């Protein structure tokens, strides 16, 4: 369960101006708008992030891309369909997991990525240049730490969900066995004796 911020008692009114989640969203909006202006709509900042992640680790599965980019599964699945339709990525069955797709950057995708990289840097600068030089590194380090902690929390939640699913499956099997044994016992007691 989420805890309230310690320096803002719950009796105080909620203020967007001091909301970390809102302020992070506003900073992302600034970067995204700057990026969109510079690339003339060739790709969105999130699509660029996917292309960059695929470039860094060609052959990732879509599940790996969810972890690498922080984009939720359903949004990423829709995005992958669009990127594949535009010829920017290629999805092929994974050699490691028959249920998964391996994602690779196409030549067109690599060209878009190369052209958009300078614009991604400019989008980063749109945020960082607003800060004094002495604060820039600290912001990036804090965001890196938050990202790492969020990834660790997501991995922990995923492991726990898998454990919970296994427990539920085991309990379901045990109940089914118990019902079957109970039914067998009833059937044996109903058999006429000769």
N, C-alpha and C. Protein backbone atom coordinates (compact mmCIF):
# COMPACT_ATOMS: atom_id res chain seq x y z
N UNK A 1 0.84 -1.18 0.00
CA UNK A 1 0.00 0.00 0.00
C UNK A 1 0.88 1.24 0.00
N UNK A 2 0.52 2.21 -0.80
CA UNK A 2 1.28 3.45 -0.90
C UNK A 2 1.16 4.23 0.39
N UNK A 3 2.21 4.86 0.75
CA UNK A 3 2.18 5.66 1.97
C UNK A 3 2.13 7.14 1.59
N UNK A 4 1.56 7.96 2.46
CA UNK A 4 1.53 9.40 2.18
C UNK A 4 2.94 9.97 2.32
N UNK A 5 3.15 11.09 1.66
CA UNK A 5 4.44 11.78 1.78
C UNK A 5 4.57 12.30 3.20
N UNK A 6 5.73 12.12 3.81
CA UNK A 6 5.92 12.49 5.20
C UNK A 6 5.97 13.99 5.42
N UNK A 7 6.38 14.75 4.41
CA UNK A 7 6.49 16.20 4.61
C UNK A 7 5.21 16.94 4.20
N UNK A 8 4.16 16.21 3.84
CA UNK A 8 2.87 16.81 3.51
C UNK A 8 1.78 16.05 4.26
N UNK A 9 1.39 16.54 5.45
CA UNK A 9 0.37 15.84 6.21
C UNK A 9 -0.92 15.69 5.39
N UNK A 10 -1.63 14.58 5.64
CA UNK A 10 -2.86 14.31 4.89
C UNK A 10 -3.93 15.36 5.13
N UNK A 11 -3.81 16.13 6.20
CA UNK A 11 -4.80 17.17 6.47
C UNK A 11 -4.65 18.36 5.53
N UNK A 12 -3.47 18.51 4.91
CA UNK A 12 -3.27 19.60 3.97
C UNK A 12 -3.92 19.27 2.63
N UNK A 13 -4.39 20.28 1.91
CA UNK A 13 -4.97 20.03 0.59
C UNK A 13 -3.91 19.53 -0.39
N UNK A 14 -4.36 18.71 -1.32
CA UNK A 14 -3.45 18.18 -2.35
C UNK A 14 -3.09 19.30 -3.31
N UNK A 15 -1.83 19.46 -3.60
CA UNK A 15 -1.36 20.52 -4.48
C UNK A 15 -0.56 19.91 -5.63
N UNK A 16 -0.99 20.18 -6.86
CA UNK A 16 -0.26 19.71 -8.02
C UNK A 16 1.16 20.27 -8.05
N UNK A 17 1.30 21.47 -7.57
CA UNK A 17 2.61 22.14 -7.62
C UNK A 17 3.67 21.42 -6.80
N UNK A 18 3.26 20.54 -5.88
CA UNK A 18 4.23 19.79 -5.08
C UNK A 18 4.10 18.28 -5.28
N UNK A 19 3.34 17.87 -6.27
CA UNK A 19 3.15 16.44 -6.56
C UNK A 19 4.28 15.92 -7.43
N UNK A 20 5.06 14.99 -6.91
CA UNK A 20 6.18 14.43 -7.67
C UNK A 20 5.70 13.79 -8.97
N UNK A 21 4.63 13.03 -8.91
CA UNK A 21 4.15 12.35 -10.12
C UNK A 21 3.68 13.36 -11.16
N UNK A 22 2.99 14.39 -10.72
CA UNK A 22 2.54 15.42 -11.66
C UNK A 22 3.72 16.19 -12.26
N UNK A 23 4.68 16.52 -11.43
CA UNK A 23 5.84 17.29 -11.91
C UNK A 23 6.67 16.45 -12.88
N UNK A 24 6.82 15.15 -12.62
CA UNK A 24 7.52 14.29 -13.57
C UNK A 24 6.77 14.23 -14.89
N UNK A 25 5.45 14.15 -14.81
CA UNK A 25 4.63 14.12 -16.03
C UNK A 25 4.81 15.42 -16.82
N UNK A 26 4.85 16.55 -16.14
CA UNK A 26 5.03 17.83 -16.83
C UNK A 26 6.40 17.90 -17.51
N UNK A 27 7.42 17.40 -16.83
CA UNK A 27 8.76 17.38 -17.43
C UNK A 27 8.76 16.48 -18.67
N UNK A 28 8.09 15.33 -18.59
CA UNK A 28 8.00 14.43 -19.74
C UNK A 28 7.25 15.10 -20.88
N UNK A 29 6.20 15.84 -20.56
CA UNK A 29 5.45 16.57 -21.59
C UNK A 29 6.35 17.57 -22.32
N UNK A 30 7.15 18.27 -21.56
CA UNK A 30 8.07 19.25 -22.14
C UNK A 30 9.02 18.55 -23.12
N UNK A 31 9.62 17.45 -22.69
CA UNK A 31 10.55 16.71 -23.54
C UNK A 31 9.84 16.15 -24.76
N UNK A 32 8.66 15.59 -24.55
CA UNK A 32 7.91 14.98 -25.66
C UNK A 32 7.50 16.02 -26.70
N UNK A 33 7.01 17.17 -26.24
CA UNK A 33 6.62 18.24 -27.16
C UNK A 33 7.82 18.74 -27.97
N UNK A 34 8.94 18.91 -27.29
CA UNK A 34 10.16 19.37 -27.97
C UNK A 34 10.59 18.34 -29.02
N UNK A 35 10.59 17.07 -28.65
CA UNK A 35 10.98 16.00 -29.55
C UNK A 35 10.05 15.97 -30.77
N UNK A 36 8.74 16.03 -30.53
CA UNK A 36 7.75 15.97 -31.60
C UNK A 36 7.93 17.12 -32.59
N UNK A 37 8.21 18.31 -32.08
CA UNK A 37 8.46 19.46 -32.96
C UNK A 37 9.66 19.22 -33.84
N UNK A 38 10.70 18.65 -33.27
CA UNK A 38 11.96 18.49 -34.01
C UNK A 38 11.90 17.37 -35.05
N UNK A 39 11.18 16.30 -34.77
CA UNK A 39 11.16 15.16 -35.72
C UNK A 39 10.02 15.28 -36.73
N UNK A 40 9.24 16.33 -36.63
CA UNK A 40 8.11 16.53 -37.54
C UNK A 40 7.17 15.33 -37.60
N UNK A 41 6.94 14.70 -36.46
CA UNK A 41 5.97 13.60 -36.40
C UNK A 41 6.45 12.27 -36.96
N UNK A 42 7.75 12.13 -37.25
CA UNK A 42 8.24 10.85 -37.79
C UNK A 42 7.99 9.71 -36.81
N UNK A 43 8.27 9.95 -35.54
CA UNK A 43 7.98 9.01 -34.46
C UNK A 43 7.71 9.81 -33.20
N UNK A 44 7.03 9.17 -32.25
CA UNK A 44 6.83 9.81 -30.95
C UNK A 44 8.04 9.50 -30.08
N UNK A 45 8.14 10.20 -28.96
CA UNK A 45 9.25 9.95 -28.04
C UNK A 45 9.20 8.52 -27.51
N UNK A 46 8.01 7.99 -27.25
CA UNK A 46 7.88 6.61 -26.77
C UNK A 46 8.27 5.62 -27.87
N UNK A 47 7.89 5.89 -29.11
CA UNK A 47 8.29 5.02 -30.21
C UNK A 47 9.81 5.06 -30.37
N UNK A 48 10.38 6.24 -30.22
CA UNK A 48 11.84 6.37 -30.27
C UNK A 48 12.47 5.52 -29.18
N UNK A 49 11.90 5.54 -27.98
CA UNK A 49 12.45 4.74 -26.87
C UNK A 49 12.44 3.25 -27.23
N UNK A 50 11.37 2.80 -27.88
CA UNK A 50 11.30 1.39 -28.28
C UNK A 50 12.36 1.09 -29.33
N UNK A 51 12.48 1.96 -30.33
CA UNK A 51 13.50 1.75 -31.37
C UNK A 51 14.90 1.73 -30.76
N UNK A 52 15.16 2.63 -29.82
CA UNK A 52 16.47 2.68 -29.17
C UNK A 52 16.73 1.41 -28.36
N UNK A 53 15.71 0.93 -27.64
CA UNK A 53 15.86 -0.30 -26.85
C UNK A 53 16.12 -1.51 -27.76
N UNK A 54 15.42 -1.57 -28.90
CA UNK A 54 15.64 -2.66 -29.85
C UNK A 54 17.05 -2.57 -30.43
N UNK A 55 17.48 -1.34 -30.73
CA UNK A 55 18.84 -1.14 -31.28
C UNK A 55 19.90 -1.58 -30.28
N UNK A 56 19.70 -1.24 -29.00
CA UNK A 56 20.67 -1.59 -27.96
C UNK A 56 20.76 -3.09 -27.75
N UNK A 57 19.62 -3.79 -27.91
CA UNK A 57 19.57 -5.23 -27.63
C UNK A 57 18.71 -5.92 -28.68
N UNK A 58 19.22 -6.03 -29.88
CA UNK A 58 18.46 -6.64 -30.96
C UNK A 58 18.05 -8.06 -30.59
N UNK A 59 16.81 -8.39 -30.90
CA UNK A 59 16.31 -9.73 -30.61
C UNK A 59 15.54 -9.83 -29.31
N UNK A 60 15.35 -8.69 -28.62
CA UNK A 60 14.56 -8.72 -27.39
C UNK A 60 13.15 -9.19 -27.68
N UNK A 61 12.53 -9.82 -26.69
CA UNK A 61 11.11 -10.16 -26.80
C UNK A 61 10.30 -8.92 -26.43
N UNK A 62 9.01 -8.94 -26.72
CA UNK A 62 8.17 -7.81 -26.34
C UNK A 62 8.12 -7.68 -24.82
N UNK A 63 8.17 -8.79 -24.09
CA UNK A 63 8.20 -8.71 -22.62
C UNK A 63 9.47 -8.01 -22.14
N UNK A 64 10.58 -8.31 -22.81
CA UNK A 64 11.84 -7.63 -22.47
C UNK A 64 11.72 -6.13 -22.75
N UNK A 65 11.05 -5.79 -23.85
CA UNK A 65 10.88 -4.37 -24.20
C UNK A 65 10.00 -3.65 -23.19
N UNK A 66 9.01 -4.34 -22.64
CA UNK A 66 8.17 -3.74 -21.58
C UNK A 66 9.08 -3.35 -20.42
N UNK A 67 9.94 -4.27 -20.02
CA UNK A 67 10.86 -3.99 -18.90
C UNK A 67 11.85 -2.89 -19.25
N UNK A 68 12.37 -2.90 -20.47
CA UNK A 68 13.39 -1.92 -20.86
C UNK A 68 12.84 -0.51 -21.00
N UNK A 69 11.59 -0.39 -21.45
CA UNK A 69 11.04 0.94 -21.74
C UNK A 69 10.05 1.44 -20.69
N UNK A 70 9.49 0.54 -19.90
CA UNK A 70 8.48 0.94 -18.92
C UNK A 70 7.10 1.16 -19.54
N UNK A 71 6.94 0.79 -20.79
CA UNK A 71 5.65 0.93 -21.46
C UNK A 71 4.83 -0.33 -21.15
N UNK A 72 3.55 -0.15 -20.80
CA UNK A 72 2.75 -1.31 -20.43
C UNK A 72 2.54 -2.24 -21.62
N UNK A 73 2.22 -3.51 -21.32
CA UNK A 73 2.14 -4.57 -22.33
C UNK A 73 1.17 -4.25 -23.47
N UNK A 74 -0.04 -3.81 -23.13
CA UNK A 74 -1.02 -3.59 -24.19
C UNK A 74 -0.64 -2.41 -25.08
N UNK A 75 -0.13 -1.34 -24.48
CA UNK A 75 0.32 -0.19 -25.28
C UNK A 75 1.49 -0.59 -26.17
N UNK A 76 2.43 -1.35 -25.61
CA UNK A 76 3.58 -1.77 -26.39
C UNK A 76 3.15 -2.69 -27.54
N UNK A 77 2.20 -3.59 -27.28
CA UNK A 77 1.73 -4.49 -28.33
C UNK A 77 1.14 -3.69 -29.49
N UNK A 78 0.31 -2.69 -29.17
CA UNK A 78 -0.26 -1.83 -30.21
C UNK A 78 0.83 -1.06 -30.94
N UNK A 79 1.79 -0.56 -30.18
CA UNK A 79 2.88 0.22 -30.77
C UNK A 79 3.70 -0.67 -31.71
N UNK A 80 3.95 -1.90 -31.30
CA UNK A 80 4.74 -2.82 -32.13
C UNK A 80 4.02 -3.11 -33.45
N UNK A 81 2.72 -3.26 -33.39
CA UNK A 81 1.95 -3.49 -34.63
C UNK A 81 2.15 -2.31 -35.59
N UNK A 82 2.05 -1.10 -35.05
CA UNK A 82 2.21 0.09 -35.87
C UNK A 82 3.62 0.23 -36.42
N UNK A 83 4.63 -0.02 -35.58
CA UNK A 83 6.02 0.07 -36.03
C UNK A 83 6.32 -0.99 -37.08
N UNK A 84 5.75 -2.18 -36.90
CA UNK A 84 5.96 -3.25 -37.88
C UNK A 84 5.25 -2.91 -39.20
N UNK A 85 4.04 -2.38 -39.11
CA UNK A 85 3.29 -2.00 -40.31
C UNK A 85 4.02 -0.93 -41.10
N UNK A 86 4.70 -0.03 -40.40
CA UNK A 86 5.47 1.04 -41.06
C UNK A 86 6.83 0.55 -41.54
N UNK A 87 7.16 -0.70 -41.23
CA UNK A 87 8.43 -1.26 -41.68
C UNK A 87 9.63 -0.83 -40.86
N UNK A 88 9.41 -0.38 -39.62
CA UNK A 88 10.51 0.08 -38.79
C UNK A 88 11.12 -1.03 -37.94
N UNK A 89 10.32 -2.05 -37.65
CA UNK A 89 10.81 -3.22 -36.91
C UNK A 89 10.30 -4.47 -37.60
N UNK A 90 10.96 -5.57 -37.30
CA UNK A 90 10.52 -6.88 -37.79
C UNK A 90 10.37 -7.78 -36.57
N UNK A 91 9.24 -8.47 -36.50
CA UNK A 91 9.02 -9.43 -35.42
C UNK A 91 9.04 -10.82 -36.02
N UNK A 92 9.78 -11.71 -35.37
CA UNK A 92 9.82 -13.10 -35.83
C UNK A 92 9.77 -13.99 -34.61
N UNK A 93 9.29 -15.21 -34.77
CA UNK A 93 9.23 -16.12 -33.62
C UNK A 93 10.60 -16.26 -32.96
N UNK A 94 10.59 -16.23 -31.65
CA UNK A 94 11.83 -16.33 -30.88
C UNK A 94 12.36 -17.76 -30.93
N UNK A 95 13.66 -17.89 -31.02
CA UNK A 95 14.27 -19.22 -30.98
C UNK A 95 14.31 -19.74 -29.54
N UNK A 96 14.27 -18.84 -28.56
CA UNK A 96 14.34 -19.23 -27.15
C UNK A 96 12.98 -19.60 -26.58
N UNK A 97 11.90 -18.99 -27.10
CA UNK A 97 10.55 -19.22 -26.56
C UNK A 97 9.56 -19.18 -27.71
N UNK A 98 8.94 -20.30 -28.00
CA UNK A 98 8.03 -20.39 -29.15
C UNK A 98 6.80 -19.49 -28.99
N UNK A 99 6.49 -19.09 -27.76
CA UNK A 99 5.32 -18.22 -27.53
C UNK A 99 5.64 -16.75 -27.75
N UNK A 100 6.91 -16.42 -27.85
CA UNK A 100 7.33 -15.01 -27.91
C UNK A 100 7.84 -14.64 -29.29
N UNK A 101 7.87 -13.33 -29.52
CA UNK A 101 8.45 -12.78 -30.74
C UNK A 101 9.77 -12.10 -30.41
N UNK A 102 10.71 -12.25 -31.29
CA UNK A 102 11.99 -11.56 -31.21
C UNK A 102 11.88 -10.33 -32.10
N UNK A 103 12.28 -9.17 -31.59
CA UNK A 103 12.11 -7.92 -32.31
C UNK A 103 13.46 -7.40 -32.79
N UNK A 104 13.51 -7.05 -34.06
CA UNK A 104 14.74 -6.50 -34.65
C UNK A 104 14.40 -5.20 -35.39
N UNK A 105 15.39 -4.33 -35.45
CA UNK A 105 15.24 -3.06 -36.16
C UNK A 105 15.45 -3.31 -37.66
N UNK A 106 14.57 -2.75 -38.47
CA UNK A 106 14.76 -2.84 -39.93
C UNK A 106 15.72 -1.72 -40.37
N UNK A 107 16.08 -1.71 -41.63
CA UNK A 107 16.94 -0.64 -42.14
C UNK A 107 16.23 0.70 -42.01
N UNK A 108 14.93 0.72 -42.31
CA UNK A 108 14.16 1.97 -42.18
C UNK A 108 14.11 2.41 -40.73
N UNK A 109 13.94 1.45 -39.83
CA UNK A 109 13.91 1.77 -38.40
C UNK A 109 15.24 2.33 -37.93
N UNK A 110 16.32 1.74 -38.41
CA UNK A 110 17.66 2.23 -38.04
C UNK A 110 17.87 3.65 -38.56
N UNK A 111 17.37 3.93 -39.77
CA UNK A 111 17.52 5.27 -40.34
C UNK A 111 16.71 6.29 -39.53
N UNK A 112 15.48 5.93 -39.16
CA UNK A 112 14.64 6.82 -38.34
C UNK A 112 15.31 7.05 -36.99
N UNK A 113 15.82 5.98 -36.40
CA UNK A 113 16.49 6.09 -35.10
C UNK A 113 17.69 7.02 -35.19
N UNK A 114 18.50 6.84 -36.21
CA UNK A 114 19.70 7.69 -36.37
C UNK A 114 19.31 9.15 -36.54
N UNK A 115 18.30 9.40 -37.35
CA UNK A 115 17.87 10.79 -37.58
C UNK A 115 17.25 11.41 -36.34
N UNK A 116 16.55 10.60 -35.54
CA UNK A 116 15.84 11.13 -34.38
C UNK A 116 16.71 11.24 -33.14
N UNK A 117 17.85 10.59 -33.13
CA UNK A 117 18.71 10.59 -31.93
C UNK A 117 19.11 12.00 -31.51
N UNK A 118 19.50 12.84 -32.46
CA UNK A 118 19.88 14.22 -32.10
C UNK A 118 18.69 14.97 -31.52
N UNK A 119 17.49 14.64 -31.98
CA UNK A 119 16.29 15.30 -31.46
C UNK A 119 15.96 14.81 -30.04
N UNK A 120 16.25 13.55 -29.78
CA UNK A 120 16.07 13.03 -28.42
C UNK A 120 17.02 13.74 -27.46
N UNK A 121 18.22 13.96 -27.93
CA UNK A 121 19.19 14.70 -27.10
C UNK A 121 18.71 16.14 -26.86
N UNK A 122 18.13 16.73 -27.88
CA UNK A 122 17.59 18.09 -27.73
C UNK A 122 16.41 18.10 -26.77
N UNK A 123 15.61 17.04 -26.79
CA UNK A 123 14.49 16.96 -25.84
C UNK A 123 15.01 16.85 -24.42
N UNK A 124 16.08 16.07 -24.23
CA UNK A 124 16.71 15.99 -22.91
C UNK A 124 17.22 17.37 -22.49
N UNK A 125 17.87 18.04 -23.43
CA UNK A 125 18.42 19.37 -23.14
C UNK A 125 17.33 20.38 -22.81
N UNK A 126 16.14 20.21 -23.41
CA UNK A 126 15.03 21.13 -23.13
C UNK A 126 14.70 21.13 -21.64
N UNK A 127 14.88 20.01 -21.01
CA UNK A 127 14.64 19.93 -19.56
C UNK A 127 15.88 20.36 -18.80
N UNK A 128 17.02 19.76 -19.13
CA UNK A 128 18.24 20.01 -18.35
C UNK A 128 18.72 21.45 -18.45
N UNK A 129 18.55 22.07 -19.61
CA UNK A 129 19.01 23.45 -19.77
C UNK A 129 18.23 24.45 -18.93
N UNK A 130 17.08 24.04 -18.43
CA UNK A 130 16.31 24.92 -17.54
C UNK A 130 16.91 24.97 -16.14
N UNK A 131 17.77 24.01 -15.84
CA UNK A 131 18.38 23.93 -14.51
C UNK A 131 19.78 24.52 -14.53
N UNK A 132 20.24 24.99 -13.39
CA UNK A 132 21.65 25.40 -13.30
C UNK A 132 22.54 24.17 -13.54
N UNK A 133 23.70 24.39 -14.09
CA UNK A 133 24.61 23.27 -14.40
C UNK A 133 24.86 22.38 -13.20
N UNK A 134 24.93 22.98 -12.03
CA UNK A 134 25.23 22.21 -10.81
C UNK A 134 24.11 21.25 -10.43
N UNK A 135 22.91 21.43 -10.94
CA UNK A 135 21.76 20.59 -10.58
C UNK A 135 21.46 19.50 -11.61
N UNK A 136 22.02 19.61 -12.81
CA UNK A 136 21.69 18.71 -13.91
C UNK A 136 22.08 17.27 -13.60
N UNK A 137 23.31 17.09 -13.17
CA UNK A 137 23.79 15.74 -12.90
C UNK A 137 22.96 15.10 -11.78
N UNK A 138 22.65 15.87 -10.76
CA UNK A 138 21.86 15.35 -9.65
C UNK A 138 20.47 14.91 -10.11
N UNK A 139 19.86 15.67 -11.01
CA UNK A 139 18.55 15.28 -11.53
C UNK A 139 18.64 13.96 -12.28
N UNK A 140 19.60 13.83 -13.17
CA UNK A 140 19.75 12.60 -13.95
C UNK A 140 20.04 11.42 -13.02
N UNK A 141 20.89 11.63 -12.01
CA UNK A 141 21.18 10.55 -11.06
C UNK A 141 19.94 10.15 -10.28
N UNK A 142 19.13 11.12 -9.86
CA UNK A 142 17.90 10.82 -9.13
C UNK A 142 16.91 10.07 -10.01
N UNK A 143 16.76 10.52 -11.25
CA UNK A 143 15.85 9.83 -12.17
C UNK A 143 16.34 8.42 -12.48
N UNK A 144 17.64 8.25 -12.61
CA UNK A 144 18.22 6.92 -12.84
C UNK A 144 17.92 6.01 -11.66
N UNK A 145 18.08 6.53 -10.46
CA UNK A 145 17.80 5.74 -9.26
C UNK A 145 16.32 5.38 -9.19
N UNK A 146 15.45 6.34 -9.46
CA UNK A 146 14.00 6.06 -9.46
C UNK A 146 13.65 4.98 -10.49
N UNK A 147 14.24 5.07 -11.66
CA UNK A 147 13.98 4.10 -12.71
C UNK A 147 14.43 2.70 -12.29
N UNK A 148 15.61 2.64 -11.70
CA UNK A 148 16.14 1.35 -11.24
C UNK A 148 15.26 0.76 -10.14
N UNK A 149 14.86 1.57 -9.19
CA UNK A 149 14.01 1.10 -8.10
C UNK A 149 12.64 0.65 -8.63
N UNK A 150 12.11 1.39 -9.60
CA UNK A 150 10.83 1.00 -10.20
C UNK A 150 10.96 -0.33 -10.92
N UNK A 151 12.06 -0.53 -11.63
CA UNK A 151 12.28 -1.80 -12.34
C UNK A 151 12.40 -2.95 -11.35
N UNK A 152 13.12 -2.73 -10.26
CA UNK A 152 13.26 -3.77 -9.23
C UNK A 152 11.91 -4.10 -8.61
N UNK A 153 11.10 -3.07 -8.34
CA UNK A 153 9.77 -3.30 -7.75
C UNK A 153 8.88 -4.07 -8.73
N UNK A 154 8.96 -3.73 -10.01
CA UNK A 154 8.16 -4.44 -11.02
C UNK A 154 8.58 -5.90 -11.12
N UNK A 155 9.89 -6.15 -11.10
CA UNK A 155 10.37 -7.53 -11.16
C UNK A 155 9.92 -8.31 -9.94
N UNK A 156 9.97 -7.69 -8.77
CA UNK A 156 9.53 -8.34 -7.53
C UNK A 156 8.03 -8.65 -7.61
N UNK A 157 7.25 -7.70 -8.10
CA UNK A 157 5.80 -7.91 -8.23
C UNK A 157 5.51 -9.03 -9.22
N UNK A 158 6.28 -9.09 -10.31
CA UNK A 158 6.09 -10.14 -11.31
C UNK A 158 6.41 -11.51 -10.72
N UNK A 159 7.50 -11.59 -9.96
CA UNK A 159 7.85 -12.87 -9.31
C UNK A 159 6.77 -13.29 -8.33
N UNK A 160 6.26 -12.33 -7.55
CA UNK A 160 5.22 -12.63 -6.58
C UNK A 160 3.93 -13.07 -7.27
N UNK A 161 3.60 -12.43 -8.38
CA UNK A 161 2.39 -12.82 -9.14
C UNK A 161 2.53 -14.25 -9.66
N UNK A 162 3.73 -14.61 -10.13
CA UNK A 162 3.96 -15.98 -10.60
C UNK A 162 3.84 -16.97 -9.46
N UNK A 163 4.41 -16.63 -8.29
CA UNK A 163 4.29 -17.51 -7.12
C UNK A 163 2.83 -17.68 -6.72
N UNK A 164 2.10 -16.58 -6.73
CA UNK A 164 0.68 -16.61 -6.36
C UNK A 164 -0.10 -17.48 -7.35
N UNK A 165 0.18 -17.34 -8.64
CA UNK A 165 -0.51 -18.15 -9.65
C UNK A 165 -0.21 -19.63 -9.45
N UNK A 166 1.05 -19.96 -9.12
CA UNK A 166 1.41 -21.35 -8.85
C UNK A 166 0.67 -21.88 -7.63
N UNK A 167 0.60 -21.05 -6.57
CA UNK A 167 -0.12 -21.47 -5.35
C UNK A 167 -1.59 -21.73 -5.66
N UNK A 168 -2.20 -20.83 -6.42
CA UNK A 168 -3.61 -21.00 -6.77
C UNK A 168 -3.83 -22.24 -7.62
N UNK A 169 -2.92 -22.49 -8.57
CA UNK A 169 -3.04 -23.69 -9.41
C UNK A 169 -2.89 -24.94 -8.56
N UNK A 170 -1.95 -24.92 -7.62
CA UNK A 170 -1.76 -26.07 -6.73
C UNK A 170 -3.01 -26.30 -5.88
N UNK A 171 -3.57 -25.22 -5.33
CA UNK A 171 -4.78 -25.35 -4.51
C UNK A 171 -5.95 -25.87 -5.34
N UNK A 172 -6.07 -25.41 -6.57
CA UNK A 172 -7.14 -25.87 -7.45
C UNK A 172 -6.98 -27.37 -7.73
N UNK A 173 -5.76 -27.81 -7.99
CA UNK A 173 -5.51 -29.24 -8.22
C UNK A 173 -5.83 -30.06 -6.97
N UNK A 174 -5.43 -29.55 -5.80
CA UNK A 174 -5.70 -30.27 -4.56
C UNK A 174 -7.20 -30.39 -4.30
N UNK A 175 -7.94 -29.32 -4.56
CA UNK A 175 -9.39 -29.36 -4.37
C UNK A 175 -10.03 -30.34 -5.34
N UNK A 176 -9.55 -30.32 -6.59
CA UNK A 176 -10.09 -31.25 -7.59
C UNK A 176 -9.81 -32.69 -7.18
N UNK A 177 -8.62 -32.98 -6.67
CA UNK A 177 -8.28 -34.33 -6.21
C UNK A 177 -9.17 -34.73 -5.04
N UNK A 178 -9.38 -33.78 -4.12
CA UNK A 178 -10.21 -34.07 -2.95
C UNK A 178 -11.65 -34.36 -3.37
N UNK A 179 -12.17 -33.58 -4.32
CA UNK A 179 -13.54 -33.84 -4.82
C UNK A 179 -13.61 -35.19 -5.52
N UNK A 180 -12.59 -35.48 -6.30
CA UNK A 180 -12.58 -36.76 -7.01
C UNK A 180 -12.50 -37.92 -6.03
N UNK A 181 -11.68 -37.78 -4.99
CA UNK A 181 -11.56 -38.84 -3.99
C UNK A 181 -12.87 -39.00 -3.23
N UNK A 182 -13.51 -37.88 -2.92
CA UNK A 182 -14.79 -37.91 -2.21
C UNK A 182 -15.85 -38.58 -3.07
N UNK A 183 -15.86 -38.24 -4.35
CA UNK A 183 -16.80 -38.86 -5.28
C UNK A 183 -16.54 -40.35 -5.42
N UNK A 184 -15.29 -40.75 -5.44
CA UNK A 184 -14.92 -42.16 -5.53
C UNK A 184 -15.38 -42.90 -4.29
N UNK A 185 -15.23 -42.27 -3.13
CA UNK A 185 -15.65 -42.89 -1.88
C UNK A 185 -17.17 -43.09 -1.88
N UNK A 186 -17.91 -42.09 -2.36
CA UNK A 186 -19.37 -42.21 -2.43
C UNK A 186 -19.76 -43.34 -3.38
N UNK A 187 -19.11 -43.40 -4.52
CA UNK A 187 -19.42 -44.46 -5.48
C UNK A 187 -19.12 -45.83 -4.92
N UNK A 188 -18.04 -45.98 -4.18
CA UNK A 188 -17.70 -47.27 -3.59
C UNK A 188 -18.70 -47.68 -2.53
N UNK A 189 -19.21 -46.71 -1.78
CA UNK A 189 -20.19 -47.05 -0.72
C UNK A 189 -21.55 -47.39 -1.30
N UNK A 190 -21.84 -46.98 -2.51
CA UNK A 190 -23.15 -47.26 -3.13
C UNK A 190 -23.19 -48.61 -3.87
N UNK A 191 -22.03 -49.21 -4.10
CA UNK A 191 -21.99 -50.46 -4.83
C UNK A 191 -22.69 -51.54 -4.01
N UNK A 192 -23.59 -52.28 -4.65
CA UNK A 192 -24.28 -53.34 -3.91
C UNK A 192 -23.31 -54.49 -3.59
N UNK A 193 -23.54 -55.06 -2.42
CA UNK A 193 -22.68 -56.17 -2.00
C UNK A 193 -23.28 -57.47 -2.51
N UNK A 194 -22.47 -58.39 -2.89
CA UNK A 194 -22.93 -59.68 -3.39
C UNK A 194 -22.74 -60.77 -2.40
